[in-house]
Each structure stands twice: as C-alpha cells, then as structure tokens.
Amino acid sequence: MAFFEPDKFFSRISHVDIERDLLACGLTHALLDIDNTILTRDTRELPRDVGVWLARARDAGVTFCLVSNSTQSDTMGPLSERLGIPLVMRSMKPLPQGYLRGMRVLGGTSKDTVMIGDQMITDVVGAHLVGMKAYMVAPLAEKELPHTALFRWMERVMLGEQKPEPVTPATQQMLEDVAAERVG
C-alpha cells in the first residue's frame, strides 16, 4: 500500500509550504502535473493562488517542469511559455520515462525532485517507480474525464481517513495576501 500512498497530501498546491515541505526536505526541483493540479479542468484557468505560489517557490530557488500525458501541444505549449516552465508532453505516466526526462531537464535527481499531482495512479505511483517523493493534491475541479472518475473512487478507498496536511502559518499568510490583493 505504501507504494500508492503519497508522501504528503494537500488540499491544493498552494498549501504546500515552500520552506517546510520543499526546501527543508532537500527538494529543489518539482515536476508538476497540469490538469486539476495547477489548471482547473473545467475552466482551464490558473487560479491566482497557484500562480502566486509558483512565483514564490521560484523566488526561493525551486525549479519546475510540467509533466503531462497530454498530446495537445496547441494548449500545453502556450501554457509552458506563459509560465516560463519547461514541458514534457506525452509522458505516459505512470511509466518512468516522463519523470526521468523531467528530472534531466531540471538537472535533478530522484533525491532532490518531487512530483506534485492530483492522481494517485499516475502521479504518485509513477514518482515512486523512479524513487522520488510524491505529493498529492486534491483536484482543483470536480469535472473529470470518464476514466479518471473510476480512479478517483479507488483513490478515496485507498486514502481512507487520510486528511490533507494543515495549512502552515506562512502559507496561510500568503493565501490571505492573495485574497487581499483581489479585494483591494
């Protein structure tokens, strides 16, 4: 079961504390899933808190690579360019090849790289296959592809009573700052 269990579980990517959950763990590189991890599947938008989190993590020295099973270069390519984050498409997660390519792009190793994604079967299992940590986040939107709905049911069973990590004070302050910027 540990092979399927995320190393940490969060409500959303912006709840990952950059200092505590990344840098203090020696994680200076992150492979990021796209759909329902940094982009909502239903609206295809990058939530403001996610954009702010990416910028703050980058400022702290974390490098990113998008890793996607998608073959849609017309949508994924522009996203990669807009965010300034390299992209590995057609990664065939959970097979190791996409993870290994992403680590090569970043100059990372399985010891200093983490996979962050919203699916246990693709993101968590694939990361563990190559010996890296896997942080799972709850999906940003409930709209799912039909095959993903079956996996979600399996995830709920396997996660059981596991709850997302509590938000740290530093992360809570960042979220409040983002909310205040929206209002003001």
N, C-alpha and C. Protein backbone atom coordinates (compact mmCIF):
# COMPACT_ATOMS: atom_id res chain seq x y z
N MET A 1 0.82 -1.21 0.00
CA MET A 1 0.00 0.00 0.00
C MET A 1 0.86 1.26 0.00
N ALA A 2 2.04 1.27 0.67
CA ALA A 2 2.88 2.46 0.75
C ALA A 2 3.29 2.95 -0.63
N PHE A 3 3.41 2.06 -1.58
CA PHE A 3 3.77 2.44 -2.94
C PHE A 3 2.72 3.38 -3.55
N PHE A 4 1.46 3.19 -3.14
CA PHE A 4 0.37 4.01 -3.65
C PHE A 4 0.12 5.25 -2.80
N GLU A 5 0.67 5.28 -1.61
CA GLU A 5 0.41 6.39 -0.70
C GLU A 5 1.29 7.59 -1.02
N PRO A 6 0.70 8.77 -1.10
CA PRO A 6 1.52 9.96 -1.30
C PRO A 6 2.39 10.21 -0.07
N ASP A 7 3.55 10.81 -0.30
CA ASP A 7 4.42 11.15 0.82
C ASP A 7 3.79 12.24 1.67
N LYS A 8 3.05 13.13 1.01
CA LYS A 8 2.25 14.14 1.71
C LYS A 8 1.02 14.39 0.85
N PHE A 9 -0.05 14.82 1.51
CA PHE A 9 -1.32 15.07 0.83
C PHE A 9 -1.80 16.46 1.24
N PHE A 10 -2.15 17.28 0.24
CA PHE A 10 -2.55 18.67 0.47
C PHE A 10 -3.90 18.96 -0.19
N SER A 11 -4.60 19.97 0.31
CA SER A 11 -5.87 20.39 -0.28
C SER A 11 -5.68 20.99 -1.67
N ARG A 12 -4.57 21.70 -1.85
CA ARG A 12 -4.23 22.27 -3.16
C ARG A 12 -2.75 22.61 -3.16
N ILE A 13 -2.19 22.83 -4.33
CA ILE A 13 -0.75 23.03 -4.44
C ILE A 13 -0.27 24.25 -3.65
N SER A 14 -1.10 25.27 -3.56
CA SER A 14 -0.68 26.47 -2.83
C SER A 14 -0.61 26.24 -1.33
N HIS A 15 -1.04 25.08 -0.85
CA HIS A 15 -0.93 24.74 0.57
C HIS A 15 0.38 24.03 0.89
N VAL A 16 1.17 23.73 -0.13
CA VAL A 16 2.50 23.16 0.09
C VAL A 16 3.39 24.28 0.62
N ASP A 17 3.89 24.14 1.83
CA ASP A 17 4.75 25.16 2.40
C ASP A 17 6.13 25.06 1.75
N ILE A 18 6.53 26.12 1.06
CA ILE A 18 7.77 26.11 0.28
C ILE A 18 8.97 25.81 1.16
N GLU A 19 9.07 26.42 2.31
CA GLU A 19 10.21 26.19 3.21
C GLU A 19 10.15 24.81 3.85
N ARG A 20 9.03 24.49 4.50
CA ARG A 20 8.93 23.26 5.27
C ARG A 20 8.84 22.01 4.39
N ASP A 21 7.97 22.05 3.37
CA ASP A 21 7.67 20.84 2.61
C ASP A 21 8.58 20.62 1.41
N LEU A 22 9.29 21.67 1.00
CA LEU A 22 10.20 21.52 -0.14
C LEU A 22 11.64 21.71 0.32
N LEU A 23 12.03 22.94 0.57
CA LEU A 23 13.44 23.24 0.82
C LEU A 23 14.02 22.51 2.03
N ALA A 24 13.29 22.47 3.14
CA ALA A 24 13.79 21.78 4.33
C ALA A 24 13.92 20.27 4.11
N CYS A 25 13.23 19.75 3.10
CA CYS A 25 13.31 18.33 2.75
C CYS A 25 14.35 18.07 1.67
N GLY A 26 15.08 19.12 1.27
CA GLY A 26 16.09 18.97 0.23
C GLY A 26 15.52 18.91 -1.17
N LEU A 27 14.27 19.33 -1.34
CA LEU A 27 13.59 19.27 -2.64
C LEU A 27 13.68 20.64 -3.32
N THR A 28 14.55 20.72 -4.32
CA THR A 28 14.75 21.99 -5.02
C THR A 28 14.19 21.95 -6.44
N HIS A 29 13.68 20.80 -6.85
CA HIS A 29 13.06 20.64 -8.17
C HIS A 29 11.70 19.99 -8.00
N ALA A 30 10.74 20.41 -8.83
CA ALA A 30 9.40 19.82 -8.76
C ALA A 30 8.87 19.56 -10.16
N LEU A 31 8.39 18.36 -10.36
CA LEU A 31 7.66 18.01 -11.57
C LEU A 31 6.19 18.26 -11.25
N LEU A 32 5.50 18.97 -12.14
CA LEU A 32 4.12 19.34 -11.88
C LEU A 32 3.18 18.73 -12.90
N ASP A 33 2.14 18.08 -12.41
CA ASP A 33 1.03 17.69 -13.26
C ASP A 33 0.29 18.98 -13.63
N ILE A 34 -0.47 18.94 -14.70
CA ILE A 34 -1.15 20.16 -15.13
C ILE A 34 -2.63 20.14 -14.76
N ASP A 35 -3.39 19.24 -15.40
CA ASP A 35 -4.85 19.23 -15.22
C ASP A 35 -5.25 18.91 -13.79
N ASN A 36 -6.00 19.83 -13.21
CA ASN A 36 -6.55 19.73 -11.86
C ASN A 36 -5.49 19.79 -10.76
N THR A 37 -4.24 20.10 -11.15
CA THR A 37 -3.19 20.36 -10.16
C THR A 37 -2.85 21.84 -10.19
N ILE A 38 -2.49 22.37 -11.38
CA ILE A 38 -2.24 23.81 -11.48
C ILE A 38 -3.28 24.52 -12.35
N LEU A 39 -3.96 23.78 -13.21
CA LEU A 39 -5.05 24.33 -14.04
C LEU A 39 -6.35 23.62 -13.70
N THR A 40 -7.43 24.36 -13.62
CA THR A 40 -8.71 23.70 -13.41
C THR A 40 -9.12 23.00 -14.70
N ARG A 41 -9.61 21.78 -14.57
CA ARG A 41 -10.02 21.04 -15.76
C ARG A 41 -11.26 21.66 -16.40
N ASP A 42 -12.17 22.21 -15.58
CA ASP A 42 -13.41 22.72 -16.14
C ASP A 42 -13.25 24.07 -16.84
N THR A 43 -12.51 25.01 -16.26
CA THR A 43 -12.38 26.34 -16.87
C THR A 43 -11.05 26.56 -17.56
N ARG A 44 -10.09 25.65 -17.32
CA ARG A 44 -8.74 25.74 -17.90
C ARG A 44 -8.01 26.99 -17.43
N GLU A 45 -8.33 27.44 -16.22
CA GLU A 45 -7.70 28.64 -15.66
C GLU A 45 -6.65 28.27 -14.62
N LEU A 46 -5.67 29.13 -14.49
CA LEU A 46 -4.66 29.02 -13.44
C LEU A 46 -5.15 29.89 -12.28
N PRO A 47 -5.57 29.26 -11.18
CA PRO A 47 -6.04 30.07 -10.05
C PRO A 47 -4.95 31.01 -9.55
N ARG A 48 -5.36 32.17 -9.09
CA ARG A 48 -4.42 33.21 -8.67
C ARG A 48 -3.47 32.70 -7.58
N ASP A 49 -3.98 31.97 -6.59
CA ASP A 49 -3.11 31.48 -5.51
C ASP A 49 -2.05 30.52 -6.04
N VAL A 50 -2.39 29.76 -7.08
CA VAL A 50 -1.43 28.84 -7.67
C VAL A 50 -0.32 29.62 -8.38
N GLY A 51 -0.70 30.65 -9.13
CA GLY A 51 0.30 31.49 -9.79
C GLY A 51 1.23 32.18 -8.81
N VAL A 52 0.68 32.69 -7.72
CA VAL A 52 1.49 33.34 -6.70
C VAL A 52 2.42 32.32 -6.05
N TRP A 53 1.91 31.13 -5.75
CA TRP A 53 2.73 30.08 -5.13
C TRP A 53 3.89 29.70 -6.05
N LEU A 54 3.62 29.53 -7.34
CA LEU A 54 4.68 29.20 -8.30
C LEU A 54 5.76 30.28 -8.29
N ALA A 55 5.35 31.54 -8.31
CA ALA A 55 6.32 32.65 -8.32
C ALA A 55 7.14 32.67 -7.04
N ARG A 56 6.50 32.47 -5.91
CA ARG A 56 7.23 32.49 -4.63
C ARG A 56 8.18 31.30 -4.50
N ALA A 57 7.76 30.15 -4.98
CA ALA A 57 8.64 28.98 -4.94
C ALA A 57 9.84 29.19 -5.85
N ARG A 58 9.61 29.76 -7.01
CA ARG A 58 10.70 30.06 -7.93
C ARG A 58 11.68 31.05 -7.30
N ASP A 59 11.14 32.08 -6.66
CA ASP A 59 12.00 33.07 -5.99
C ASP A 59 12.83 32.43 -4.88
N ALA A 60 12.31 31.36 -4.29
CA ALA A 60 13.02 30.66 -3.22
C ALA A 60 14.04 29.66 -3.76
N GLY A 61 14.09 29.50 -5.09
CA GLY A 61 15.08 28.62 -5.70
C GLY A 61 14.57 27.29 -6.21
N VAL A 62 13.27 27.08 -6.19
CA VAL A 62 12.69 25.83 -6.70
C VAL A 62 12.51 25.96 -8.21
N THR A 63 12.93 24.93 -8.95
CA THR A 63 12.72 24.90 -10.40
C THR A 63 11.62 23.90 -10.71
N PHE A 64 10.92 24.16 -11.81
CA PHE A 64 9.76 23.35 -12.17
C PHE A 64 9.86 22.82 -13.59
N CYS A 65 9.19 21.68 -13.81
CA CYS A 65 8.97 21.14 -15.15
C CYS A 65 7.55 20.58 -15.15
N LEU A 66 6.78 20.95 -16.16
CA LEU A 66 5.44 20.40 -16.33
C LEU A 66 5.57 19.02 -16.96
N VAL A 67 4.87 18.04 -16.41
CA VAL A 67 4.91 16.68 -16.94
C VAL A 67 3.46 16.25 -17.18
N SER A 68 3.13 16.01 -18.45
CA SER A 68 1.75 15.73 -18.81
C SER A 68 1.65 14.56 -19.76
N ASN A 69 0.57 13.81 -19.63
CA ASN A 69 0.27 12.76 -20.59
C ASN A 69 -0.36 13.33 -21.85
N SER A 70 -0.68 14.59 -21.84
CA SER A 70 -1.38 15.23 -22.95
C SER A 70 -0.56 15.17 -24.25
N THR A 71 -1.30 15.17 -25.35
CA THR A 71 -0.69 15.27 -26.68
C THR A 71 -1.10 16.59 -27.34
N GLN A 72 -1.77 17.46 -26.60
CA GLN A 72 -2.29 18.72 -27.14
C GLN A 72 -1.25 19.84 -27.06
N SER A 73 -0.32 19.84 -28.01
CA SER A 73 0.74 20.85 -27.99
C SER A 73 0.20 22.26 -28.22
N ASP A 74 -0.97 22.39 -28.85
CA ASP A 74 -1.55 23.71 -29.09
C ASP A 74 -2.03 24.38 -27.80
N THR A 75 -2.32 23.60 -26.76
CA THR A 75 -2.71 24.21 -25.49
C THR A 75 -1.59 24.13 -24.45
N MET A 76 -0.86 23.02 -24.43
CA MET A 76 0.18 22.85 -23.42
C MET A 76 1.42 23.70 -23.71
N GLY A 77 1.78 23.82 -24.98
CA GLY A 77 2.94 24.64 -25.35
C GLY A 77 2.80 26.09 -24.92
N PRO A 78 1.66 26.74 -25.26
CA PRO A 78 1.48 28.12 -24.82
C PRO A 78 1.45 28.28 -23.29
N LEU A 79 0.90 27.30 -22.59
CA LEU A 79 0.90 27.35 -21.12
C LEU A 79 2.34 27.32 -20.61
N SER A 80 3.13 26.42 -21.15
CA SER A 80 4.54 26.31 -20.76
C SER A 80 5.27 27.63 -21.01
N GLU A 81 5.04 28.22 -22.16
CA GLU A 81 5.69 29.50 -22.49
C GLU A 81 5.22 30.61 -21.57
N ARG A 82 3.92 30.68 -21.32
CA ARG A 82 3.36 31.74 -20.47
C ARG A 82 3.92 31.66 -19.05
N LEU A 83 4.06 30.45 -18.54
CA LEU A 83 4.57 30.27 -17.18
C LEU A 83 6.09 30.27 -17.11
N GLY A 84 6.75 30.10 -18.26
CA GLY A 84 8.20 30.01 -18.27
C GLY A 84 8.70 28.73 -17.61
N ILE A 85 7.92 27.67 -17.79
CA ILE A 85 8.25 26.37 -17.20
C ILE A 85 8.38 25.36 -18.33
N PRO A 86 9.50 24.62 -18.39
CA PRO A 86 9.65 23.62 -19.44
C PRO A 86 8.57 22.55 -19.34
N LEU A 87 8.34 21.87 -20.46
CA LEU A 87 7.23 20.92 -20.57
C LEU A 87 7.70 19.59 -21.13
N VAL A 88 7.28 18.51 -20.49
CA VAL A 88 7.45 17.16 -21.02
C VAL A 88 6.05 16.66 -21.33
N MET A 89 5.75 16.53 -22.62
CA MET A 89 4.44 16.02 -23.05
C MET A 89 4.54 14.54 -23.38
N ARG A 90 3.38 13.93 -23.54
CA ARG A 90 3.31 12.50 -23.88
C ARG A 90 4.18 11.68 -22.92
N SER A 91 4.09 11.99 -21.66
CA SER A 91 4.98 11.38 -20.67
C SER A 91 4.62 9.93 -20.34
N MET A 92 3.42 9.53 -20.64
CA MET A 92 2.95 8.16 -20.39
C MET A 92 3.00 7.79 -18.92
N LYS A 93 2.66 8.77 -18.05
CA LYS A 93 2.60 8.48 -16.62
C LYS A 93 1.63 7.33 -16.39
N PRO A 94 1.94 6.38 -15.57
CA PRO A 94 2.96 6.33 -14.54
C PRO A 94 4.28 5.69 -14.98
N LEU A 95 4.49 5.44 -16.26
CA LEU A 95 5.76 4.86 -16.69
C LEU A 95 6.91 5.83 -16.39
N PRO A 96 8.09 5.33 -16.11
CA PRO A 96 9.22 6.18 -15.66
C PRO A 96 9.72 7.21 -16.66
N GLN A 97 9.56 6.99 -17.95
CA GLN A 97 10.22 7.85 -18.94
C GLN A 97 9.94 9.34 -18.79
N GLY A 98 8.71 9.74 -18.54
CA GLY A 98 8.40 11.17 -18.41
C GLY A 98 9.03 11.79 -17.18
N TYR A 99 9.05 11.05 -16.09
CA TYR A 99 9.68 11.53 -14.85
C TYR A 99 11.19 11.70 -15.06
N LEU A 100 11.79 10.72 -15.71
CA LEU A 100 13.24 10.78 -15.95
C LEU A 100 13.58 11.94 -16.88
N ARG A 101 12.76 12.16 -17.92
CA ARG A 101 13.00 13.30 -18.82
C ARG A 101 12.86 14.61 -18.06
N GLY A 102 11.83 14.71 -17.23
CA GLY A 102 11.63 15.93 -16.45
C GLY A 102 12.80 16.22 -15.52
N MET A 103 13.31 15.18 -14.87
CA MET A 103 14.47 15.38 -13.98
C MET A 103 15.69 15.81 -14.79
N ARG A 104 15.88 15.22 -15.97
CA ARG A 104 17.03 15.62 -16.82
C ARG A 104 16.92 17.08 -17.22
N VAL A 105 15.72 17.51 -17.60
CA VAL A 105 15.50 18.91 -18.00
C VAL A 105 15.91 19.86 -16.86
N LEU A 106 15.60 19.47 -15.63
CA LEU A 106 15.89 20.32 -14.47
C LEU A 106 17.29 20.12 -13.90
N GLY A 107 17.95 19.06 -14.32
CA GLY A 107 19.24 18.73 -13.72
C GLY A 107 19.08 18.15 -12.32
N GLY A 108 17.93 17.54 -12.08
CA GLY A 108 17.64 17.00 -10.76
C GLY A 108 17.87 15.50 -10.67
N THR A 109 17.72 15.01 -9.46
CA THR A 109 17.82 13.58 -9.18
C THR A 109 16.56 13.16 -8.43
N SER A 110 16.41 11.87 -8.24
CA SER A 110 15.24 11.40 -7.51
C SER A 110 15.27 11.83 -6.04
N LYS A 111 16.41 12.22 -5.54
CA LYS A 111 16.54 12.65 -4.14
C LYS A 111 16.16 14.12 -3.94
N ASP A 112 16.33 14.96 -4.97
CA ASP A 112 16.04 16.40 -4.80
C ASP A 112 14.85 16.86 -5.64
N THR A 113 14.08 15.92 -6.17
CA THR A 113 12.93 16.24 -7.02
C THR A 113 11.68 15.60 -6.44
N VAL A 114 10.58 16.32 -6.48
CA VAL A 114 9.28 15.81 -6.03
C VAL A 114 8.28 15.93 -7.18
N MET A 115 7.38 14.98 -7.27
CA MET A 115 6.27 15.06 -8.21
C MET A 115 5.08 15.57 -7.44
N ILE A 116 4.41 16.59 -7.99
CA ILE A 116 3.19 17.12 -7.37
C ILE A 116 2.06 16.95 -8.37
N GLY A 117 1.05 16.19 -7.98
CA GLY A 117 -0.08 15.95 -8.87
C GLY A 117 -1.32 15.53 -8.11
N ASP A 118 -2.41 15.41 -8.84
CA ASP A 118 -3.70 15.13 -8.21
C ASP A 118 -4.17 13.69 -8.36
N GLN A 119 -3.37 12.83 -8.98
CA GLN A 119 -3.83 11.47 -9.18
C GLN A 119 -2.86 10.45 -8.60
N MET A 120 -3.41 9.53 -7.82
CA MET A 120 -2.61 8.51 -7.18
C MET A 120 -2.00 7.55 -8.20
N ILE A 121 -2.81 7.08 -9.14
CA ILE A 121 -2.36 6.04 -10.06
C ILE A 121 -1.28 6.56 -11.02
N THR A 122 -1.40 7.77 -11.49
CA THR A 122 -0.40 8.29 -12.42
C THR A 122 0.73 9.02 -11.70
N ASP A 123 0.41 10.00 -10.90
CA ASP A 123 1.42 10.87 -10.31
C ASP A 123 2.18 10.22 -9.15
N VAL A 124 1.47 9.63 -8.22
CA VAL A 124 2.12 9.05 -7.04
C VAL A 124 2.86 7.77 -7.41
N VAL A 125 2.19 6.86 -8.08
CA VAL A 125 2.82 5.58 -8.43
C VAL A 125 4.02 5.83 -9.34
N GLY A 126 3.87 6.69 -10.34
CA GLY A 126 4.98 6.96 -11.25
C GLY A 126 6.19 7.54 -10.56
N ALA A 127 5.96 8.47 -9.64
CA ALA A 127 7.08 9.06 -8.89
C ALA A 127 7.78 7.98 -8.06
N HIS A 128 7.01 7.17 -7.40
CA HIS A 128 7.61 6.12 -6.58
C HIS A 128 8.36 5.08 -7.41
N LEU A 129 7.92 4.87 -8.66
CA LEU A 129 8.65 3.94 -9.54
C LEU A 129 10.08 4.39 -9.80
N VAL A 130 10.31 5.71 -9.82
CA VAL A 130 11.66 6.22 -10.06
C VAL A 130 12.36 6.65 -8.77
N GLY A 131 11.74 6.36 -7.63
CA GLY A 131 12.38 6.62 -6.34
C GLY A 131 12.28 8.04 -5.84
N MET A 132 11.34 8.81 -6.38
CA MET A 132 11.19 10.19 -5.90
C MET A 132 9.97 10.32 -5.00
N LYS A 133 9.94 11.39 -4.24
CA LYS A 133 8.79 11.68 -3.39
C LYS A 133 7.63 12.12 -4.28
N ALA A 134 6.41 11.89 -3.76
CA ALA A 134 5.19 12.28 -4.47
C ALA A 134 4.27 13.00 -3.51
N TYR A 135 3.93 14.24 -3.84
CA TYR A 135 2.95 14.99 -3.07
C TYR A 135 1.67 15.01 -3.88
N MET A 136 0.60 14.58 -3.24
CA MET A 136 -0.69 14.55 -3.92
C MET A 136 -1.53 15.73 -3.43
N VAL A 137 -2.25 16.34 -4.36
CA VAL A 137 -3.15 17.43 -4.03
C VAL A 137 -4.57 17.03 -4.44
N ALA A 138 -5.53 17.54 -3.72
CA ALA A 138 -6.92 17.32 -4.11
C ALA A 138 -7.13 18.03 -5.45
N PRO A 139 -7.96 17.47 -6.32
CA PRO A 139 -8.18 18.11 -7.62
C PRO A 139 -8.82 19.49 -7.47
N LEU A 140 -8.41 20.41 -8.36
CA LEU A 140 -8.95 21.77 -8.33
C LEU A 140 -10.43 21.83 -8.69
N ALA A 141 -10.88 20.93 -9.56
CA ALA A 141 -12.27 20.93 -10.00
C ALA A 141 -12.82 19.52 -9.95
N GLU A 142 -14.13 19.42 -9.85
CA GLU A 142 -14.75 18.10 -9.77
C GLU A 142 -14.98 17.47 -11.13
N LYS A 143 -14.99 18.26 -12.19
CA LYS A 143 -15.22 17.73 -13.53
C LYS A 143 -14.05 16.81 -13.90
N GLU A 144 -14.37 15.60 -14.28
CA GLU A 144 -13.36 14.59 -14.58
C GLU A 144 -13.64 13.93 -15.92
N LEU A 145 -12.60 13.39 -16.50
CA LEU A 145 -12.76 12.52 -17.66
C LEU A 145 -13.34 11.21 -17.15
N PRO A 146 -14.09 10.49 -17.99
CA PRO A 146 -14.74 9.25 -17.53
C PRO A 146 -13.78 8.25 -16.89
N HIS A 147 -12.61 8.04 -17.50
CA HIS A 147 -11.69 7.06 -16.91
C HIS A 147 -11.10 7.54 -15.59
N THR A 148 -11.01 8.85 -15.42
CA THR A 148 -10.47 9.40 -14.17
C THR A 148 -11.45 9.20 -13.02
N ALA A 149 -12.76 9.22 -13.32
CA ALA A 149 -13.77 9.04 -12.27
C ALA A 149 -13.59 7.70 -11.57
N LEU A 150 -13.27 6.65 -12.31
CA LEU A 150 -13.02 5.34 -11.71
C LEU A 150 -11.80 5.40 -10.80
N PHE A 151 -10.74 6.05 -11.26
CA PHE A 151 -9.53 6.18 -10.44
C PHE A 151 -9.81 6.98 -9.16
N ARG A 152 -10.66 7.99 -9.25
CA ARG A 152 -10.99 8.80 -8.08
C ARG A 152 -11.65 7.94 -7.00
N TRP A 153 -12.53 7.04 -7.42
CA TRP A 153 -13.19 6.15 -6.48
C TRP A 153 -12.14 5.29 -5.79
N MET A 154 -11.21 4.74 -6.55
CA MET A 154 -10.14 3.92 -5.99
C MET A 154 -9.27 4.73 -5.03
N GLU A 155 -8.98 5.98 -5.39
CA GLU A 155 -8.18 6.84 -4.52
C GLU A 155 -8.87 7.06 -3.18
N ARG A 156 -10.17 7.32 -3.22
CA ARG A 156 -10.91 7.56 -1.97
C ARG A 156 -10.82 6.33 -1.06
N VAL A 157 -10.95 5.15 -1.65
CA VAL A 157 -10.84 3.92 -0.87
C VAL A 157 -9.44 3.78 -0.29
N MET A 158 -8.42 4.01 -1.10
CA MET A 158 -7.04 3.82 -0.65
C MET A 158 -6.59 4.88 0.35
N LEU A 159 -7.07 6.11 0.19
CA LEU A 159 -6.69 7.17 1.14
C LEU A 159 -7.42 6.99 2.46
N GLY A 160 -8.57 6.34 2.43
CA GLY A 160 -9.32 6.09 3.65
C GLY A 160 -9.61 7.37 4.40
N GLU A 161 -9.17 7.42 5.63
CA GLU A 161 -9.42 8.57 6.50
C GLU A 161 -8.32 9.63 6.42
N GLN A 162 -7.33 9.45 5.55
CA GLN A 162 -6.23 10.41 5.48
C GLN A 162 -6.76 11.79 5.10
N LYS A 163 -6.37 12.77 5.86
CA LYS A 163 -6.78 14.15 5.63
C LYS A 163 -5.60 14.96 5.09
N PRO A 164 -5.90 16.01 4.33
CA PRO A 164 -4.81 16.86 3.84
C PRO A 164 -4.03 17.50 4.99
N GLU A 165 -2.75 17.79 4.71
CA GLU A 165 -1.88 18.47 5.68
C GLU A 165 -2.53 19.79 6.07
N PRO A 166 -2.39 20.20 7.33
CA PRO A 166 -2.91 21.52 7.72
C PRO A 166 -2.06 22.62 7.07
N VAL A 167 -2.69 23.74 6.83
CA VAL A 167 -2.01 24.88 6.23
C VAL A 167 -1.12 25.52 7.30
N THR A 168 0.16 25.75 6.95
CA THR A 168 1.08 26.37 7.90
C THR A 168 0.80 27.87 8.00
N PRO A 169 1.25 28.51 9.08
CA PRO A 169 1.04 29.96 9.21
C PRO A 169 1.63 30.76 8.04
N ALA A 170 2.81 30.36 7.54
CA ALA A 170 3.43 31.09 6.42
C ALA A 170 2.57 30.96 5.16
N THR A 171 2.06 29.78 4.92
CA THR A 171 1.22 29.56 3.75
C THR A 171 -0.11 30.28 3.91
N GLN A 172 -0.67 30.26 5.11
CA GLN A 172 -1.93 30.96 5.37
C GLN A 172 -1.76 32.46 5.11
N GLN A 173 -0.62 33.01 5.51
CA GLN A 173 -0.36 34.43 5.27
C GLN A 173 -0.31 34.72 3.77
N MET A 174 0.34 33.85 3.00
CA MET A 174 0.40 34.03 1.54
C MET A 174 -1.00 34.01 0.94
N LEU A 175 -1.85 33.07 1.40
CA LEU A 175 -3.22 32.98 0.89
C LEU A 175 -4.02 34.23 1.25
N GLU A 176 -3.82 34.73 2.45
CA GLU A 176 -4.51 35.95 2.86
C GLU A 176 -4.04 37.15 2.04
N ASP A 177 -2.75 37.21 1.75
CA ASP A 177 -2.21 38.29 0.91
C ASP A 177 -2.84 38.25 -0.48
N VAL A 178 -2.97 37.05 -1.04
CA VAL A 178 -3.58 36.89 -2.37
C VAL A 178 -5.03 37.34 -2.33
N ALA A 179 -5.76 36.93 -1.29
CA ALA A 179 -7.16 37.34 -1.17
C ALA A 179 -7.29 38.85 -1.01
N ALA A 180 -6.40 39.46 -0.25
CA ALA A 180 -6.44 40.91 -0.04
C ALA A 180 -6.15 41.67 -1.34
N GLU A 181 -5.24 41.13 -2.15
CA GLU A 181 -4.93 41.76 -3.44
C GLU A 181 -6.14 41.74 -4.35
N ARG A 182 -6.91 40.67 -4.30
CA ARG A 182 -8.11 40.56 -5.13
C ARG A 182 -9.16 41.58 -4.74
N VAL A 183 -9.32 41.75 -3.42
CA VAL A 183 -10.34 42.67 -2.90
C VAL A 183 -9.92 44.11 -3.10
N GLY A 184 -8.64 44.39 -2.85
CA GLY A 184 -8.14 45.76 -2.89
C GLY A 184 -7.79 46.27 -4.20
